[in-house]
N, C-alpha and C. Protein backbone atom coordinates (compact mmCIF):
# COMPACT_ATOMS: atom_id res chain seq x y z
N MET A 1 -11.66 -28.27 1.03
CA MET A 1 -11.61 -26.86 0.68
C MET A 1 -10.47 -26.17 1.48
N ALA A 2 -9.77 -25.32 0.83
CA ALA A 2 -8.58 -24.65 1.42
C ALA A 2 -9.05 -23.64 2.47
N LYS A 3 -8.26 -23.58 3.55
CA LYS A 3 -8.56 -22.63 4.59
C LYS A 3 -7.82 -21.30 4.34
N LEU A 4 -8.48 -20.20 4.36
CA LEU A 4 -7.87 -18.92 4.14
C LEU A 4 -7.39 -18.36 5.53
N TYR A 5 -6.16 -18.00 5.54
CA TYR A 5 -5.55 -17.52 6.79
C TYR A 5 -5.53 -16.04 6.93
N SER A 6 -5.90 -15.31 5.87
CA SER A 6 -5.93 -13.85 6.00
C SER A 6 -7.02 -13.38 6.89
N LYS A 7 -6.74 -12.31 7.61
CA LYS A 7 -7.73 -11.71 8.53
C LYS A 7 -8.47 -10.58 7.80
N LYS A 8 -9.73 -10.46 8.00
CA LYS A 8 -10.47 -9.34 7.46
C LYS A 8 -10.41 -8.20 8.41
N ARG A 9 -10.19 -7.02 7.86
CA ARG A 9 -10.24 -5.83 8.70
C ARG A 9 -11.69 -5.38 8.95
N LYS A 10 -11.94 -5.02 10.22
CA LYS A 10 -13.31 -4.61 10.55
C LYS A 10 -13.59 -3.22 9.96
N SER A 11 -12.56 -2.36 9.94
CA SER A 11 -12.74 -1.03 9.35
C SER A 11 -11.52 -0.72 8.53
N ILE A 12 -11.76 -0.07 7.45
CA ILE A 12 -10.66 0.31 6.53
C ILE A 12 -10.17 1.70 6.93
N GLU A 13 -8.85 1.74 7.18
CA GLU A 13 -8.24 3.02 7.56
C GLU A 13 -8.22 3.94 6.36
N GLU A 14 -8.52 5.20 6.60
CA GLU A 14 -8.53 6.16 5.54
C GLU A 14 -7.08 6.66 5.32
N MET A 15 -6.59 6.54 4.11
CA MET A 15 -5.28 7.01 3.84
C MET A 15 -5.24 8.48 3.40
N LYS A 16 -4.33 9.21 3.99
CA LYS A 16 -4.24 10.65 3.72
C LYS A 16 -2.80 10.96 3.30
N PRO A 17 -2.55 10.96 1.99
CA PRO A 17 -1.20 11.27 1.51
C PRO A 17 -0.97 12.76 1.59
N SER A 18 0.34 13.09 1.72
CA SER A 18 0.72 14.50 1.82
C SER A 18 0.57 15.16 0.46
N LYS A 19 0.57 16.48 0.49
CA LYS A 19 0.39 17.23 -0.76
C LYS A 19 1.61 17.04 -1.68
N GLU A 20 2.79 16.82 -1.04
CA GLU A 20 4.00 16.57 -1.88
C GLU A 20 3.90 15.23 -2.58
N THR A 21 3.31 14.21 -1.97
CA THR A 21 3.18 12.91 -2.59
C THR A 21 2.20 12.97 -3.77
N VAL A 22 1.10 13.67 -3.57
CA VAL A 22 0.10 13.80 -4.64
C VAL A 22 0.70 14.57 -5.84
N SER A 23 1.42 15.68 -5.48
CA SER A 23 2.05 16.44 -6.56
C SER A 23 3.08 15.64 -7.32
N PHE A 24 3.90 14.80 -6.63
CA PHE A 24 4.89 14.01 -7.29
C PHE A 24 4.22 12.99 -8.21
N ILE A 25 3.15 12.33 -7.75
CA ILE A 25 2.49 11.30 -8.58
C ILE A 25 1.88 11.94 -9.82
N LEU A 26 1.21 13.08 -9.66
CA LEU A 26 0.61 13.77 -10.79
C LEU A 26 1.68 14.23 -11.83
N SER A 27 2.76 14.76 -11.37
CA SER A 27 3.80 15.22 -12.32
C SER A 27 4.45 14.08 -12.97
N TYR A 28 4.66 12.95 -12.28
CA TYR A 28 5.25 11.79 -12.88
C TYR A 28 4.33 11.18 -13.93
N SER A 29 3.04 11.12 -13.65
CA SER A 29 2.16 10.56 -14.66
C SER A 29 1.97 11.41 -15.84
N GLN A 30 2.10 12.75 -15.71
CA GLN A 30 2.04 13.64 -16.87
C GLN A 30 3.26 13.56 -17.70
N ALA A 31 4.40 13.30 -17.09
CA ALA A 31 5.67 13.16 -17.82
C ALA A 31 5.91 11.88 -18.49
N MET A 32 5.17 10.81 -18.13
CA MET A 32 5.38 9.54 -18.64
C MET A 32 4.64 9.29 -20.01
N LYS A 33 5.44 8.89 -20.96
CA LYS A 33 4.89 8.66 -22.31
C LYS A 33 5.14 7.20 -22.67
N ILE A 34 4.17 6.51 -23.19
CA ILE A 34 4.29 5.10 -23.60
C ILE A 34 4.17 5.04 -25.10
N VAL A 35 5.18 4.44 -25.74
CA VAL A 35 5.19 4.34 -27.17
C VAL A 35 5.22 2.86 -27.59
N LYS A 36 4.27 2.40 -28.43
CA LYS A 36 4.22 1.05 -28.86
C LYS A 36 4.77 1.01 -30.35
N VAL A 37 5.75 0.11 -30.56
CA VAL A 37 6.34 -0.04 -31.91
C VAL A 37 6.31 -1.51 -32.13
N GLY A 38 5.37 -1.91 -32.98
CA GLY A 38 5.25 -3.39 -33.23
C GLY A 38 4.83 -4.13 -32.03
N ASN A 39 5.63 -5.10 -31.61
CA ASN A 39 5.36 -5.89 -30.39
C ASN A 39 6.07 -5.29 -29.18
N LEU A 40 6.83 -4.19 -29.35
CA LEU A 40 7.61 -3.61 -28.27
C LEU A 40 6.85 -2.43 -27.65
N THR A 41 7.01 -2.25 -26.33
CA THR A 41 6.48 -1.05 -25.70
C THR A 41 7.58 -0.33 -25.00
N PHE A 42 7.72 0.98 -25.21
CA PHE A 42 8.76 1.79 -24.56
C PHE A 42 8.05 2.75 -23.67
N GLU A 43 8.62 2.82 -22.43
CA GLU A 43 8.10 3.82 -21.46
C GLU A 43 9.17 4.86 -21.26
N ASN A 44 8.85 6.14 -21.55
CA ASN A 44 9.79 7.27 -21.46
C ASN A 44 9.30 8.26 -20.45
N ILE A 45 10.25 8.82 -19.67
CA ILE A 45 9.95 9.95 -18.76
C ILE A 45 10.45 11.18 -19.48
N VAL A 46 9.53 12.05 -19.87
CA VAL A 46 9.89 13.25 -20.60
C VAL A 46 9.79 14.45 -19.65
N ASN A 47 10.95 15.01 -19.42
CA ASN A 47 10.98 16.20 -18.55
C ASN A 47 11.39 17.40 -19.29
């Protein structure tokens, strides 16, 4: 059996992103449009 070398964290640190980061991710996800044409997929950022 393979030995796993990763360590388990005893406690998970709570991540607190800044307001600017959250705002950027939300605006990026709202501007992103995915178009499928046949077997091709196009990702467009619409601003």
